[in-house]
Amino acid sequence: MAAKLDYQWHLRKIMADRGLFSTTDLIPLLQERGITLSSSQVYRLVVECPERLSLKILMSLLDILACTMDDLIVPVAAAGSESNFPNEEGCWSRD
């Protein structure tokens, strides 16, 4: 049986490292690249682990933050399905 995988989403940390401390700081930067998201969509993108993500949005984030996918998304082994709490990154495990 293959190991179940999960991931850690480091968007908030990378934003802070680049001096972007408000989720709304991303809105005009995304708009410059043709991506239009509401402030609530950007908030969820930053503070939650996305289940689905457009490749255009992903590529825009990599460009805006001058980072790689390895910086933004870190694969990890999924915790047991009995976990009722988010991991240290705030992400719930998915089975």
Protein backbone atom coordinates (compact mmCIF):
# COMPACT_ATOMS: atom_id res chain seq x y z
CA MET A 1 0.00 0.00 0.00
CA ALA A 2 1.37 3.42 -0.97
CA ALA A 3 1.99 5.96 1.78
CA LYS A 4 -0.64 8.69 2.09
CA LEU A 5 0.76 12.11 1.40
CA ASP A 6 -0.16 15.56 2.56
CA TYR A 7 1.55 18.91 2.17
CA GLN A 8 2.47 22.04 4.02
CA TRP A 9 1.54 25.36 2.42
CA HIS A 10 4.07 28.10 3.17
CA LEU A 11 2.47 31.08 1.39
CA ARG A 12 2.04 33.17 4.54
CA LYS A 13 5.65 32.61 5.64
CA ILE A 14 7.09 33.41 2.21
CA MET A 15 4.95 36.53 1.98
CA ALA A 16 6.26 37.70 5.37
CA ASP A 17 9.83 36.96 4.30
CA ARG A 18 9.22 39.25 1.30
CA GLY A 19 7.71 42.06 3.39
CA LEU A 20 4.08 41.33 2.49
CA PHE A 21 2.23 41.21 5.80
CA SER A 22 -1.36 41.75 4.70
CA THR A 23 -3.26 39.28 2.55
CA THR A 24 -4.66 42.18 0.51
CA ASP A 25 -1.09 43.10 -0.55
CA LEU A 26 -1.39 40.25 -3.05
CA ILE A 27 -4.50 41.57 -4.81
CA PRO A 28 -2.87 44.23 -7.03
CA LEU A 29 0.15 42.00 -7.67
CA LEU A 30 -2.13 39.22 -8.88
CA GLN A 31 -4.19 41.70 -10.95
CA GLU A 32 -0.99 42.82 -12.72
CA ARG A 33 -0.70 39.21 -13.90
CA GLY A 34 -4.34 38.94 -15.02
CA ILE A 35 -5.63 37.16 -11.91
CA THR A 36 -8.72 38.68 -10.27
CA LEU A 37 -9.58 37.36 -6.81
CA SER A 38 -11.70 38.91 -4.09
CA SER A 39 -10.15 39.85 -0.77
CA SER A 40 -11.86 36.85 0.88
CA GLN A 41 -10.48 34.48 -1.79
CA VAL A 42 -6.97 35.84 -1.29
CA TYR A 43 -7.37 35.57 2.49
CA ARG A 44 -8.34 31.90 2.21
CA LEU A 45 -5.47 31.28 -0.23
CA VAL A 46 -2.99 32.69 2.29
CA VAL A 47 -4.27 31.30 5.59
CA GLU A 48 -5.62 27.91 4.51
CA CYS A 49 -4.09 25.00 2.63
CA PRO A 50 -5.79 25.03 -0.78
CA GLU A 51 -7.37 21.79 -1.95
CA ARG A 52 -7.38 22.97 -5.56
CA LEU A 53 -5.32 25.72 -7.13
CA SER A 54 -5.24 27.08 -10.67
CA LEU A 55 -1.83 26.69 -12.29
CA LYS A 56 -2.09 30.32 -13.43
CA ILE A 57 -2.49 31.42 -9.81
CA LEU A 58 0.36 29.16 -8.71
CA MET A 59 2.68 30.49 -11.41
CA SER A 60 1.70 34.06 -10.53
CA LEU A 61 2.49 33.45 -6.85
CA LEU A 62 5.88 31.98 -7.76
CA ASP A 63 6.61 35.04 -9.91
CA ILE A 64 5.38 37.57 -7.34
CA LEU A 65 7.32 35.97 -4.50
CA ALA A 66 10.38 34.99 -6.56
CA CYS A 67 10.25 31.50 -5.12
CA THR A 68 9.95 27.92 -6.33
CA MET A 69 7.24 25.32 -5.83
CA ASP A 70 9.60 23.58 -3.40
CA ASP A 71 9.58 26.73 -1.26
CA LEU A 72 5.81 27.07 -1.34
CA ILE A 73 4.63 23.45 -1.16
CA VAL A 74 6.38 20.86 1.00
CA PRO A 75 5.17 17.24 0.76
CA VAL A 76 4.81 15.39 4.07
CA ALA A 77 3.44 12.04 5.17
CA ALA A 78 -0.21 12.33 6.13
CA ALA A 79 -1.06 11.99 9.79
CA GLY A 80 -3.40 9.18 10.82
CA SER A 81 -7.03 9.71 9.92
CA GLU A 82 -7.94 9.78 13.61
CA SER A 83 -6.41 13.24 13.98
CA ASN A 84 -8.99 15.89 14.91
CA PHE A 85 -6.57 18.82 14.98
CA PRO A 86 -4.68 20.74 12.30
CA ASN A 87 -0.94 20.17 12.04
CA GLU A 88 1.63 22.80 13.06
CA GLU A 89 1.12 24.62 9.74
CA GLY A 90 -2.63 24.91 10.34
CA CYS A 91 -3.52 22.34 7.69
CA TRP A 92 -5.96 19.53 8.29
CA SER A 93 -4.80 16.13 7.08
CA ARG A 94 -6.60 14.74 4.07
CA ASP A 95 -7.04 11.01 3.44
